[in-house]
Amino acid sequence: MLQQISPDATARLVVPIRSDQEILGLLWAALPPDAAPPGPDVYAGFLRCADRAATHLVQLGGVLGRVQRIEVEHLARLLHSGDGSDYAGQSQLLPDGINWVIAAAFDLTPDRRTHAKSRVVHLLDRARLTGDVQLIVGDLNDLLYVVVSTPSADAAVIDRVVGLFSEVPGIYIGLSAPAVGSGQLPQARLQAQRALSVARYGHARRRVAKFDDVWPTAALLRLATSPLATEIVCNGPVPILVALDQENGTEYVKTLREYLLTTDPRAAAARLNVHVNTVRYRIAKLREEVALDIEDPLARLVMTLQLTLIQLQQDR
């Protein structure tokens, strides 16, 4: 394309550089004022240069890992039903391969949250990811979702993507386990949501939680926020110990929880940062207060569950 903005301006030869339907930039050259209009050979040579420039940009990672933004309705269909077709139903948004789902929440004011979301998309747009990586981004139910698609389960790629989020303040993210094909995306979405809950509300809060690392806590946190948790924690000796702690300022609940989790007074003392004799004394005293069968494996299991649910509820 020969471009001349005004009669007095220098004429320029301009060629858009594209990758698929995405414009990467413009390649242009200024023509001397007295130059004759370029002929077919000049145009052809310039197009070859544009083709090489586009290839070079791709090799540098300029478009690898580029972000595709989709609307709420399409994102909901993708993450809830695993339907990865486009609006016309003629092609697939995601190629066959491995997908991860990232769910992100922002502990920020509404205006700063909007800026943070834009920051995430910008970082993903600018990311230089090696390999055939595709990213889909969208908002759904006050969360920002990112679907990362790769031909194989490349942990380095997903770690690189997750690492980009560390540059955004006030963000918590949950990462799913790898999902094979779009059909497993609904399960991956749930995993990302559960991991995000651990990141925001778990006992050891963190900015990033990977489902494969936190699935036990995720399951317990899910139970702790359900109506069934109230029924579980209100039976047996544990509610009595909770009341004694509240009335007398004792630490029976915390001590029993660590003792049951470690099954060793010394390990429990280390976790509580007290002397081992303090743990032994507290265990002896609480067994005087309530009928406690620590030797019964089933009773230990249920009491451990009760104490963990209570802790998770308090942490929220």
C-alpha atoms as a PDB file:
ATOM      1  CA  MET A   1       0.000   0.000   0.000  1.00  0.00           C
ATOM      2  CA  LEU A   2       1.379   3.414  -0.992  1.00  0.00           C
ATOM      3  CA  GLN A   3       0.431   5.970   1.649  1.00  0.00           C
ATOM      4  CA  GLN A   4       0.676   9.745   1.325  1.00  0.00           C
ATOM      5  CA  ILE A   5      -0.993  11.736   4.077  1.00  0.00           C
ATOM      6  CA  SER A   6      -0.783  15.114   2.291  1.00  0.00           C
ATOM      7  CA  PRO A   7       0.716  16.500  -0.936  1.00  0.00           C
ATOM      8  CA  ASP A   8       3.702  17.921   0.971  1.00  0.00           C
ATOM      9  CA  ALA A   9       4.331  14.804   3.079  1.00  0.00           C
ATOM     10  CA  THR A  10       6.841  12.084   2.214  1.00  0.00           C
ATOM     11  CA  ALA A  11       5.201   9.093   0.582  1.00  0.00           C
ATOM     12  CA  ARG A  12       5.529   5.805   2.479  1.00  0.00           C
ATOM     13  CA  LEU A  13       5.262   2.209   1.407  1.00  0.00           C
ATOM     14  CA  VAL A  14       3.289   0.414   4.155  1.00  0.00           C
ATOM     15  CA  VAL A  15       2.585  -3.298   4.683  1.00  0.00           C
ATOM     16  CA  PRO A  16       0.640  -4.653   7.708  1.00  0.00           C
ATOM     17  CA  ILE A  17       2.384  -7.562   9.442  1.00  0.00           C
ATOM     18  CA  ARG A  18      -0.076 -10.206  10.581  1.00  0.00           C
ATOM     19  CA  SER A  19      -0.157 -13.553  12.327  1.00  0.00           C
ATOM     20  CA  ASP A  20      -3.466 -15.212  11.434  1.00  0.00           C
ATOM     21  CA  GLN A  21      -5.941 -12.371  12.022  1.00  0.00           C
ATOM     22  CA  GLU A  22      -3.789 -10.526  14.554  1.00  0.00           C
ATOM     23  CA  ILE A  23      -1.933  -7.383  13.441  1.00  0.00           C
ATOM     24  CA  LEU A  24       1.576  -7.415  14.872  1.00  0.00           C
ATOM     25  CA  GLY A  25       2.583  -4.047  13.448  1.00  0.00           C
ATOM     26  CA  LEU A  26       3.389  -2.174  10.271  1.00  0.00           C
ATOM     27  CA  LEU A  27       6.465  -2.361   8.056  1.00  0.00           C
ATOM     28  CA  TRP A  28       6.994   0.899   6.192  1.00  0.00           C
ATOM     29  CA  ALA A  29       9.631   2.718   4.181  1.00  0.00           C
ATOM     30  CA  ALA A  30       9.788   6.379   3.201  1.00  0.00           C
ATOM     31  CA  LEU A  31      10.198   7.061  -0.506  1.00  0.00           C
ATOM     32  CA  PRO A  32      12.462   9.853  -1.800  1.00  0.00           C
ATOM     33  CA  PRO A  33      10.474  12.929  -2.910  1.00  0.00           C
ATOM     34  CA  ASP A  34      11.546  12.540  -6.540  1.00  0.00           C
ATOM     35  CA  ALA A  35      11.150   8.746  -6.672  1.00  0.00           C
ATOM     36  CA  ALA A  36       8.951   7.198  -9.272  1.00  0.00           C
ATOM     37  CA  PRO A  37       5.957   5.178  -8.082  1.00  0.00           C
ATOM     38  CA  PRO A  38       7.164   1.708  -7.023  1.00  0.00           C
ATOM     39  CA  GLY A  39       6.680  -1.065  -9.543  1.00  0.00           C
ATOM     40  CA  PRO A  40       5.540  -4.674  -9.018  1.00  0.00           C
ATOM     41  CA  ASP A  41       9.056  -5.884  -8.246  1.00  0.00           C
ATOM     42  CA  VAL A  42       9.420  -3.345  -5.434  1.00  0.00           C
ATOM     43  CA  TYR A  43       6.063  -4.332  -3.965  1.00  0.00           C
ATOM     44  CA  ALA A  44       6.963  -8.025  -4.162  1.00  0.00           C
ATOM     45  CA  GLY A  45      10.323  -7.469  -2.487  1.00  0.00           C
ATOM     46  CA  PHE A  46       8.731  -5.407   0.251  1.00  0.00           C
ATOM     47  CA  LEU A  47       6.141  -8.113   0.893  1.00  0.00           C
ATOM     48  CA  ARG A  48       8.912 -10.684   1.220  1.00  0.00           C
ATOM     49  CA  CYS A  49      10.537  -8.456   3.858  1.00  0.00           C
ATOM     50  CA  ALA A  50       7.218  -8.219   5.702  1.00  0.00           C
ATOM     51  CA  ASP A  51       6.884 -11.997   5.623  1.00  0.00           C
ATOM     52  CA  ARG A  52      10.365 -12.405   7.108  1.00  0.00           C
ATOM     53  CA  ALA A  53       9.619  -9.767   9.769  1.00  0.00           C
ATOM     54  CA  ALA A  54       6.460 -11.617  10.826  1.00  0.00           C
ATOM     55  CA  THR A  55       8.382 -14.902  11.054  1.00  0.00           C
ATOM     56  CA  HIS A  56      11.062 -13.217  13.143  1.00  0.00           C
ATOM     57  CA  LEU A  57       8.477 -11.788  15.546  1.00  0.00           C
ATOM     58  CA  VAL A  58       6.900 -15.199  16.004  1.00  0.00           C
ATOM     59  CA  GLN A  59      10.288 -16.791  16.665  1.00  0.00           C
ATOM     60  CA  LEU A  60      11.026 -14.151  19.286  1.00  0.00           C
ATOM     61  CA  GLY A  61       7.809 -15.056  21.047  1.00  0.00           C
ATOM     62  CA  GLY A  62       5.999 -11.893  20.102  1.00  0.00           C
ATOM     63  CA  VAL A  63       2.751 -13.738  19.447  1.00  0.00           C
ATOM     64  CA  LEU A  64       3.314 -17.049  21.219  1.00  0.00           C
ATOM     65  CA  GLY A  65       1.078 -17.214  24.261  1.00  0.00           C
ATOM     66  CA  ARG A  66      -1.124 -14.390  22.989  1.00  0.00           C
ATOM     67  CA  VAL A  67      -4.332 -13.731  24.854  1.00  0.00           C
ATOM     68  CA  GLN A  68      -7.760 -14.363  23.411  1.00  0.00           C
ATOM     69  CA  ARG A  69     -10.504 -12.576  25.315  1.00  0.00           C
ATOM     70  CA  ILE A  70     -13.988 -14.101  25.239  1.00  0.00           C
ATOM     71  CA  GLU A  71     -17.392 -12.948  26.463  1.00  0.00           C
ATOM     72  CA  VAL A  72     -19.067 -14.129  29.679  1.00  0.00           C
ATOM     73  CA  GLU A  73     -21.568 -16.399  27.921  1.00  0.00           C
ATOM     74  CA  HIS A  74     -18.880 -18.142  25.904  1.00  0.00           C
ATOM     75  CA  LEU A  75     -16.591 -18.507  28.918  1.00  0.00           C
ATOM     76  CA  ALA A  76     -19.433 -19.975  30.964  1.00  0.00           C
ATOM     77  CA  ARG A  77     -20.166 -22.533  28.247  1.00  0.00           C
ATOM     78  CA  LEU A  78     -16.484 -23.436  28.026  1.00  0.00           C
ATOM     79  CA  LEU A  79     -15.906 -23.842  31.776  1.00  0.00           C
ATOM     80  CA  HIS A  80     -19.267 -25.291  32.807  1.00  0.00           C
ATOM     81  CA  SER A  81     -20.003 -27.687  29.964  1.00  0.00           C
ATOM     82  CA  GLY A  82     -16.621 -28.095  28.268  1.00  0.00           C
ATOM     83  CA  ASP A  83     -18.017 -26.762  24.988  1.00  0.00           C
ATOM     84  CA  GLY A  84     -14.981 -25.269  23.277  1.00  0.00           C
ATOM     85  CA  SER A  85     -16.629 -24.387  19.959  1.00  0.00           C
ATOM     86  CA  ASP A  86     -16.752 -20.840  18.677  1.00  0.00           C
ATOM     87  CA  TYR A  87     -19.931 -18.786  18.390  1.00  0.00           C
ATOM     88  CA  ALA A  88     -20.793 -20.305  15.026  1.00  0.00           C
ATOM     89  CA  GLY A  89     -19.989 -23.799  16.265  1.00  0.00           C
ATOM     90  CA  GLN A  90     -17.671 -24.319  13.311  1.00  0.00           C
ATOM     91  CA  SER A  91     -14.251 -24.390  15.010  1.00  0.00           C
ATOM     92  CA  GLN A  92     -12.701 -25.037  18.404  1.00  0.00           C
ATOM     93  CA  LEU A  93     -11.274 -22.343  20.649  1.00  0.00           C
ATOM     94  CA  LEU A  94      -8.770 -24.782  22.110  1.00  0.00           C
ATOM     95  CA  PRO A  95      -6.685 -27.341  20.242  1.00  0.00           C
ATOM     96  CA  ASP A  96      -6.390 -30.916  21.455  1.00  0.00           C
ATOM     97  CA  GLY A  97      -3.907 -30.983  24.287  1.00  0.00           C
ATOM     98  CA  ILE A  98      -3.480 -30.179  27.967  1.00  0.00           C
ATOM     99  CA  ASN A  99      -5.372 -27.332  29.630  1.00  0.00           C
ATOM    100  CA  TRP A 100      -5.027 -25.625  32.980  1.00  0.00           C
ATOM    101  CA  VAL A 101      -7.581 -23.294  34.530  1.00  0.00           C
ATOM    102  CA  ILE A 102      -6.486 -20.359  36.683  1.00  0.00           C
ATOM    103  CA  ALA A 103      -9.085 -18.612  38.871  1.00  0.00           C
ATOM    104  CA  ALA A 104      -8.013 -15.205  40.205  1.00  0.00           C
ATOM    105  CA  ALA A 105      -9.591 -12.948  42.829  1.00  0.00           C
ATOM    106  CA  PHE A 106      -8.526  -9.472  43.876  1.00  0.00           C
ATOM    107  CA  ASP A 107      -8.525  -8.144  47.444  1.00  0.00           C
ATOM    108  CA  LEU A 108      -8.834  -4.562  46.222  1.00  0.00           C
ATOM    109  CA  THR A 109     -11.321  -1.732  45.909  1.00  0.00           C
ATOM    110  CA  PRO A 110     -13.504  -1.894  42.778  1.00  0.00           C
ATOM    111  CA  ASP A 111     -11.533   0.733  40.858  1.00  0.00           C
ATOM    112  CA  ARG A 112      -8.170  -0.822  41.734  1.00  0.00           C
ATOM    113  CA  ARG A 113      -9.572  -4.264  40.916  1.00  0.00           C
ATOM    114  CA  THR A 114     -10.401  -3.139  37.396  1.00  0.00           C
ATOM    115  CA  HIS A 115      -6.875  -1.791  36.977  1.00  0.00           C
ATOM    116  CA  ALA A 116      -5.375  -5.035  38.351  1.00  0.00           C
ATOM    117  CA  LYS A 117      -7.352  -7.146  35.886  1.00  0.00           C
ATOM    118  CA  SER A 118      -6.096  -4.999  33.046  1.00  0.00           C
ATOM    119  CA  ARG A 119      -2.583  -5.407  34.410  1.00  0.00           C
ATOM    120  CA  VAL A 120      -2.932  -9.214  34.338  1.00  0.00           C
ATOM    121  CA  VAL A 121      -4.132  -9.211  30.739  1.00  0.00           C
ATOM    122  CA  HIS A 122      -1.313  -6.861  29.770  1.00  0.00           C
ATOM    123  CA  LEU A 123       1.299  -9.117  31.393  1.00  0.00           C
ATOM    124  CA  LEU A 124      -0.125 -12.143  29.615  1.00  0.00           C
ATOM    125  CA  ASP A 125      -0.166 -10.253  26.319  1.00  0.00           C
ATOM    126  CA  ARG A 126       3.480  -9.341  26.773  1.00  0.00           C
ATOM    127  CA  ALA A 127       4.640 -12.744  28.010  1.00  0.00           C
ATOM    128  CA  ARG A 128       7.251 -14.499  25.933  1.00  0.00           C
ATOM    129  CA  LEU A 129       6.242 -18.132  26.186  1.00  0.00           C
ATOM    130  CA  THR A 130       8.055 -20.811  24.253  1.00  0.00           C
ATOM    131  CA  GLY A 131       6.140 -23.470  22.378  1.00  0.00           C
ATOM    132  CA  ASP A 132       2.607 -23.555  21.032  1.00  0.00           C
ATOM    133  CA  VAL A 133       0.777 -21.922  23.952  1.00  0.00           C
ATOM    134  CA  GLN A 134      -2.729 -20.455  23.820  1.00  0.00           C
ATOM    135  CA  LEU A 135      -4.347 -18.294  26.488  1.00  0.00           C
ATOM    136  CA  ILE A 136      -8.047 -17.540  26.927  1.00  0.00           C
ATOM    137  CA  VAL A 137      -9.110 -14.859  29.411  1.00  0.00           C
ATOM    138  CA  GLY A 138     -12.523 -13.805  30.676  1.00  0.00           C
ATOM    139  CA  ASP A 139     -14.550 -12.651  33.688  1.00  0.00           C
ATOM    140  CA  LEU A 140     -17.141 -14.877  35.315  1.00  0.00           C
ATOM    141  CA  ASN A 141     -18.899 -14.467  38.678  1.00  0.00           C
ATOM    142  CA  ASP A 142     -16.477 -11.779  39.926  1.00  0.00           C
ATOM    143  CA  LEU A 143     -13.448 -13.953  39.151  1.00  0.00           C
ATOM    144  CA  LEU A 144     -10.910 -13.616  36.372  1.00  0.00           C
ATOM    145  CA  TYR A 145     -10.294 -16.915  34.588  1.00  0.00           C
ATOM    146  CA  VAL A 146      -7.313 -17.813  32.432  1.00  0.00           C
ATOM    147  CA  VAL A 147      -7.283 -21.047  30.425  1.00  0.00           C
ATOM    148  CA  VAL A 148      -3.763 -22.098  29.461  1.00  0.00           C
ATOM    149  CA  SER A 149      -3.539 -24.626  26.623  1.00  0.00           C
ATOM    150  CA  THR A 150      -0.382 -26.485  25.560  1.00  0.00           C
ATOM    151  CA  PRO A 151       0.219 -29.558  23.389  1.00  0.00           C
ATOM    152  CA  SER A 152       1.662 -31.467  26.369  1.00  0.00           C
ATOM    153  CA  ALA A 153       1.831 -31.189  30.147  1.00  0.00           C
ATOM    154  CA  ASP A 154       4.698 -28.698  30.250  1.00  0.00           C
ATOM    155  CA  ALA A 155       5.066 -27.632  33.899  1.00  0.00           C
ATOM    156  CA  ALA A 156       7.594 -24.955  32.967  1.00  0.00           C
ATOM    157  CA  VAL A 157       5.026 -23.104  30.855  1.00  0.00           C
ATOM    158  CA  ILE A 158       2.354 -23.071  33.538  1.00  0.00           C
ATOM    159  CA  ASP A 159       4.911 -22.012  36.165  1.00  0.00           C
ATOM    160  CA  ARG A 160       5.904 -19.138  33.881  1.00  0.00           C
ATOM    161  CA  VAL A 161       2.291 -18.037  33.495  1.00  0.00           C
ATOM    162  CA  VAL A 162       1.612 -18.312  37.232  1.00  0.00           C
ATOM    163  CA  GLY A 163       4.781 -16.351  37.923  1.00  0.00           C
ATOM    164  CA  LEU A 164       3.400 -13.401  35.971  1.00  0.00           C
ATOM    165  CA  PHE A 165       0.666 -12.960  38.570  1.00  0.00           C
ATOM    166  CA  SER A 166       3.231 -12.241  41.291  1.00  0.00           C
ATOM    167  CA  GLU A 167       3.692  -8.816  39.729  1.00  0.00           C
ATOM    168  CA  VAL A 168       0.070  -7.862  40.493  1.00  0.00           C
ATOM    169  CA  PRO A 169      -0.676  -6.642  44.057  1.00  0.00           C
ATOM    170  CA  GLY A 170      -3.744  -7.849  45.951  1.00  0.00           C
ATOM    171  CA  ILE A 171      -4.264 -10.957  43.825  1.00  0.00           C
ATOM    172  CA  TYR A 172      -4.990 -14.545  44.906  1.00  0.00           C
ATOM    173  CA  ILE A 173      -5.002 -17.351  42.377  1.00  0.00           C
ATOM    174  CA  GLY A 174      -5.962 -21.010  42.289  1.00  0.00           C
ATOM    175  CA  LEU A 175      -4.517 -23.374  39.684  1.00  0.00           C
ATOM    176  CA  SER A 176      -6.215 -26.573  38.565  1.00  0.00           C
ATOM    177  CA  ALA A 177      -4.596 -29.895  37.837  1.00  0.00           C
ATOM    178  CA  PRO A 178      -3.881 -30.457  34.127  1.00  0.00           C
ATOM    179  CA  ALA A 179      -7.011 -31.366  32.139  1.00  0.00           C
ATOM    180  CA  VAL A 180      -6.985 -33.411  28.941  1.00  0.00           C
ATOM    181  CA  GLY A 181      -9.113 -31.769  26.255  1.00  0.00           C
ATOM    182  CA  SER A 182     -11.933 -29.287  26.722  1.00  0.00           C
ATOM    183  CA  GLY A 183     -14.252 -31.971  28.135  1.00  0.00           C
ATOM    184  CA  GLN A 184     -12.395 -31.915  31.459  1.00  0.00           C
ATOM    185  CA  LEU A 185     -12.542 -28.119  31.813  1.00  0.00           C
ATOM    186  CA  PRO A 186     -15.611 -28.114  34.122  1.00  0.00           C
ATOM    187  CA  GLN A 187     -13.714 -30.282  36.625  1.00  0.00           C
ATOM    188  CA  ALA A 188     -10.625 -28.100  36.206  1.00  0.00           C
ATOM    189  CA  ARG A 189     -12.723 -24.992  36.896  1.00  0.00           C
ATOM    190  CA  LEU A 190     -13.952 -26.481  40.176  1.00  0.00           C
ATOM    191  CA  GLN A 191     -10.398 -27.418  41.123  1.00  0.00           C
ATOM    192  CA  ALA A 192      -9.201 -23.873  40.420  1.00  0.00           C
ATOM    193  CA  GLN A 193     -12.028 -22.463  42.534  1.00  0.00           C
ATOM    194  CA  ARG A 194     -11.256 -24.834  45.421  1.00  0.00           C
ATOM    195  CA  ALA A 195      -7.551 -23.977  45.256  1.00  0.00           C
ATOM    196  CA  LEU A 196      -8.427 -20.274  45.212  1.00  0.00           C
ATOM    197  CA  SER A 197     -10.488 -20.750  48.391  1.00  0.00           C
ATOM    198  CA  VAL A 198      -7.445 -22.279  50.084  1.00  0.00           C
ATOM    199  CA  ALA A 199      -5.290 -19.360  48.948  1.00  0.00           C
ATOM    200  CA  ARG A 200      -7.747 -16.823  50.377  1.00  0.00           C
ATOM    201  CA  TYR A 201      -9.178 -18.584  53.429  1.00  0.00           C
ATOM    202  CA  GLY A 202      -6.956 -21.553  54.283  1.00  0.00           C
ATOM    203  CA  HIS A 203      -4.990 -21.928  57.523  1.00  0.00           C
ATOM    204  CA  ALA A 204      -1.743 -20.868  55.807  1.00  0.00           C
ATOM    205  CA  ARG A 205      -2.888 -18.178  53.396  1.00  0.00           C
ATOM    206  CA  ARG A 206      -0.876 -17.736  50.235  1.00  0.00           C
ATOM    207  CA  ARG A 207      -1.117 -15.813  47.007  1.00  0.00           C
ATOM    208  CA  VAL A 208      -0.934 -18.914  44.819  1.00  0.00           C
ATOM    209  CA  ALA A 209      -2.432 -22.322  45.555  1.00  0.00           C
ATOM    210  CA  LYS A 210      -2.095 -25.300  43.228  1.00  0.00           C
ATOM    211  CA  PHE A 211      -4.862 -27.869  43.512  1.00  0.00           C
ATOM    212  CA  ASP A 212      -2.439 -30.793  43.345  1.00  0.00           C
ATOM    213  CA  ASP A 213      -0.688 -29.389  46.436  1.00  0.00           C
ATOM    214  CA  VAL A 214      -3.709 -28.326  48.524  1.00  0.00           C
ATOM    215  CA  TRP A 215      -6.474 -30.786  47.608  1.00  0.00           C
ATOM    216  CA  PRO A 216      -6.831 -32.149  51.205  1.00  0.00           C
ATOM    217  CA  THR A 217      -7.301 -28.648  52.613  1.00  0.00           C
ATOM    218  CA  ALA A 218      -9.583 -27.784  49.702  1.00  0.00           C
ATOM    219  CA  ALA A 219     -11.840 -30.747  50.499  1.00  0.00           C
ATOM    220  CA  LEU A 220     -11.963 -29.867  54.196  1.00  0.00           C
ATOM    221  CA  LEU A 221     -12.596 -26.191  53.484  1.00  0.00           C
ATOM    222  CA  ARG A 222     -15.452 -27.172  51.201  1.00  0.00           C
ATOM    223  CA  LEU A 223     -16.902 -29.259  54.028  1.00  0.00           C
ATOM    224  CA  ALA A 224     -16.296 -26.495  56.595  1.00  0.00           C
ATOM    225  CA  THR A 225     -18.476 -24.091  54.611  1.00  0.00           C
ATOM    226  CA  SER A 226     -21.345 -26.550  54.155  1.00  0.00           C
ATOM    227  CA  PRO A 227     -24.353 -26.993  56.500  1.00  0.00           C
ATOM    228  CA  LEU A 228     -23.104 -30.499  57.303  1.00  0.00           C
ATOM    229  CA  ALA A 229     -20.110 -29.035  59.177  1.00  0.00           C
ATOM    230  CA  THR A 230     -22.346 -27.696  61.952  1.00  0.00           C
ATOM    231  CA  GLU A 231     -23.746 -31.160  62.597  1.00  0.00           C
ATOM    232  CA  ILE A 232     -20.290 -32.733  62.586  1.00  0.00           C
ATOM    233  CA  VAL A 233     -18.642 -30.354  65.054  1.00  0.00           C
ATOM    234  CA  CYS A 234     -21.479 -30.197  67.604  1.00  0.00           C
ATOM    235  CA  ASN A 235     -21.235 -33.815  68.792  1.00  0.00           C
ATOM    236  CA  GLY A 236     -18.822 -35.657  71.088  1.00  0.00           C
ATOM    237  CA  PRO A 237     -16.278 -34.190  73.523  1.00  0.00           C
ATOM    238  CA  VAL A 238     -14.867 -31.489  71.248  1.00  0.00           C
ATOM    239  CA  PRO A 239     -17.719 -28.946  71.796  1.00  0.00           C
ATOM    240  CA  ILE A 240     -17.176 -29.306  75.559  1.00  0.00           C
ATOM    241  CA  LEU A 241     -13.478 -28.496  75.150  1.00  0.00           C
ATOM    242  CA  VAL A 242     -14.372 -25.468  73.019  1.00  0.00           C
ATOM    243  CA  ALA A 243     -16.646 -24.192  75.803  1.00  0.00           C
ATOM    244  CA  LEU A 244     -13.960 -24.787  78.454  1.00  0.00           C
ATOM    245  CA  ASP A 245     -11.431 -22.799  76.433  1.00  0.00           C
ATOM    246  CA  GLN A 246     -13.873 -19.929  76.049  1.00  0.00           C
ATOM    247  CA  GLU A 247     -14.764 -19.911  79.762  1.00  0.00           C
ATOM    248  CA  ASN A 248     -11.335 -20.490  81.312  1.00  0.00           C
ATOM    249  CA  GLY A 249      -8.848 -19.320  78.707  1.00  0.00           C
ATOM    250  CA  THR A 250      -7.320 -22.786  78.392  1.00  0.00           C
ATOM    251  CA  GLU A 251      -5.889 -24.128  75.126  1.00  0.00           C
ATOM    252  CA  TYR A 252      -7.350 -27.610  75.117  1.00  0.00           C
ATOM    253  CA  VAL A 253      -8.664 -27.459  71.542  1.00  0.00           C
ATOM    254  CA  LYS A 254      -5.405 -26.299  69.997  1.00  0.00           C
ATOM    255  CA  THR A 255      -3.374 -28.799  72.031  1.00  0.00           C
ATOM    256  CA  LEU A 256      -5.611 -31.756  71.218  1.00  0.00           C
ATOM    257  CA  ARG A 257      -5.632 -30.875  67.512  1.00  0.00           C
ATOM    258  CA  GLU A 258      -1.837 -30.812  67.276  1.00  0.00           C
ATOM    259  CA  TYR A 259      -1.526 -33.939  69.396  1.00  0.00           C
ATOM    260  CA  LEU A 260      -3.931 -35.880  67.184  1.00  0.00           C
ATOM    261  CA  LEU A 261      -2.299 -34.628  63.990  1.00  0.00           C
ATOM    262  CA  THR A 262       1.221 -35.534  65.096  1.00  0.00           C
ATOM    263  CA  THR A 263       0.472 -38.484  67.472  1.00  0.00           C
ATOM    264  CA  ASP A 264       3.648 -37.449  69.313  1.00  0.00           C
ATOM    265  CA  PRO A 265       3.871 -35.090  72.341  1.00  0.00           C
ATOM    266  CA  ARG A 266       7.285 -33.768  71.283  1.00  0.00           C
ATOM    267  CA  ALA A 267       6.175 -32.980  67.739  1.00  0.00           C
ATOM    268  CA  ALA A 268       2.984 -31.364  69.072  1.00  0.00           C
ATOM    269  CA  ALA A 269       5.035 -29.279  71.521  1.00  0.00           C
ATOM    270  CA  ALA A 270       7.259 -28.063  68.691  1.00  0.00           C
ATOM    271  CA  ARG A 271       4.244 -27.022  66.614  1.00  0.00           C
ATOM    272  CA  LEU A 272       2.714 -25.258  69.648  1.00  0.00           C
ATOM    273  CA  ASN A 273       6.049 -23.718  70.665  1.00  0.00           C
ATOM    274  CA  VAL A 274       5.749 -25.018  74.228  1.00  0.00           C
ATOM    275  CA  HIS A 275       7.615 -27.559  76.375  1.00  0.00           C
ATOM    276  CA  VAL A 276       6.721 -31.195  75.858  1.00  0.00           C
ATOM    277  CA  ASN A 277       5.651 -31.465  79.519  1.00  0.00           C
ATOM    278  CA  THR A 278       3.111 -28.715  78.886  1.00  0.00           C
ATOM    279  CA  VAL A 279       1.514 -30.841  76.192  1.00  0.00           C
ATOM    280  CA  ARG A 280       1.447 -33.903  78.442  1.00  0.00           C
ATOM    281  CA  TYR A 281      -0.081 -31.856  81.275  1.00  0.00           C
ATOM    282  CA  ARG A 282      -2.800 -30.382  79.053  1.00  0.00           C
ATOM    283  CA  ILE A 283      -3.712 -33.772  77.600  1.00  0.00           C
ATOM    284  CA  ALA A 284      -3.982 -35.236  81.103  1.00  0.00           C
ATOM    285  CA  LYS A 285      -6.136 -32.313  82.287  1.00  0.00           C
ATOM    286  CA  LEU A 286      -8.527 -32.359  79.348  1.00  0.00           C
ATOM    287  CA  ARG A 287      -8.998 -36.108  79.777  1.00  0.00           C
ATOM    288  CA  GLU A 288     -10.109 -35.332  83.335  1.00  0.00           C
ATOM    289  CA  GLU A 289     -12.640 -32.835  82.006  1.00  0.00           C
ATOM    290  CA  VAL A 290     -14.243 -34.980  79.289  1.00  0.00           C
ATOM    291  CA  ALA A 291     -14.568 -38.638  78.366  1.00  0.00           C
ATOM    292  CA  LEU A 292     -11.926 -38.877  75.666  1.00  0.00           C
ATOM    293  CA  ASP A 293     -10.956 -42.153  74.024  1.00  0.00           C
ATOM    294  CA  ILE A 294      -7.760 -41.176  72.215  1.00  0.00           C
ATOM    295  CA  GLU A 295      -6.829 -44.824  71.654  1.00  0.00           C
ATOM    296  CA  ASP A 296      -9.912 -45.504  69.494  1.00  0.00           C
ATOM    297  CA  PRO A 297      -8.824 -44.968  65.837  1.00  0.00           C
ATOM    298  CA  LEU A 298     -12.324 -44.008  64.677  1.00  0.00           C
ATOM    299  CA  ALA A 299     -12.769 -41.529  67.523  1.00  0.00           C
ATOM    300  CA  ARG A 300      -9.364 -40.008  66.722  1.00  0.00           C
ATOM    301  CA  LEU A 301     -10.359 -39.644  63.060  1.00  0.00           C
ATOM    302  CA  VAL A 302     -13.655 -37.885  63.840  1.00  0.00           C
ATOM    303  CA  MET A 303     -12.143 -35.619  66.500  1.00  0.00           C
ATOM    304  CA  THR A 304      -9.331 -34.649  64.115  1.00  0.00           C
ATOM    305  CA  LEU A 305     -11.930 -33.788  61.483  1.00  0.00           C
ATOM    306  CA  GLN A 306     -13.958 -31.763  64.003  1.00  0.00           C
ATOM    307  CA  LEU A 307     -10.932 -29.818  65.219  1.00  0.00           C
ATOM    308  CA  THR A 308      -9.736 -29.110  61.671  1.00  0.00           C
ATOM    309  CA  LEU A 309     -13.178 -27.863  60.608  1.00  0.00           C
ATOM    310  CA  ILE A 310     -13.321 -25.576  63.641  1.00  0.00           C
ATOM    311  CA  GLN A 311      -9.930 -24.135  62.755  1.00  0.00           C
ATOM    312  CA  LEU A 312     -10.898 -23.555  59.135  1.00  0.00           C
ATOM    313  CA  GLN A 313     -14.133 -21.845  60.226  1.00  0.00           C
ATOM    314  CA  GLN A 314     -12.211 -19.581  62.589  1.00  0.00           C
ATOM    315  CA  ASP A 315      -9.685 -18.692  59.881  1.00  0.00           C
ATOM    316  CA  ARG A 316     -12.459 -17.473  57.592  1.00  0.00           C
END
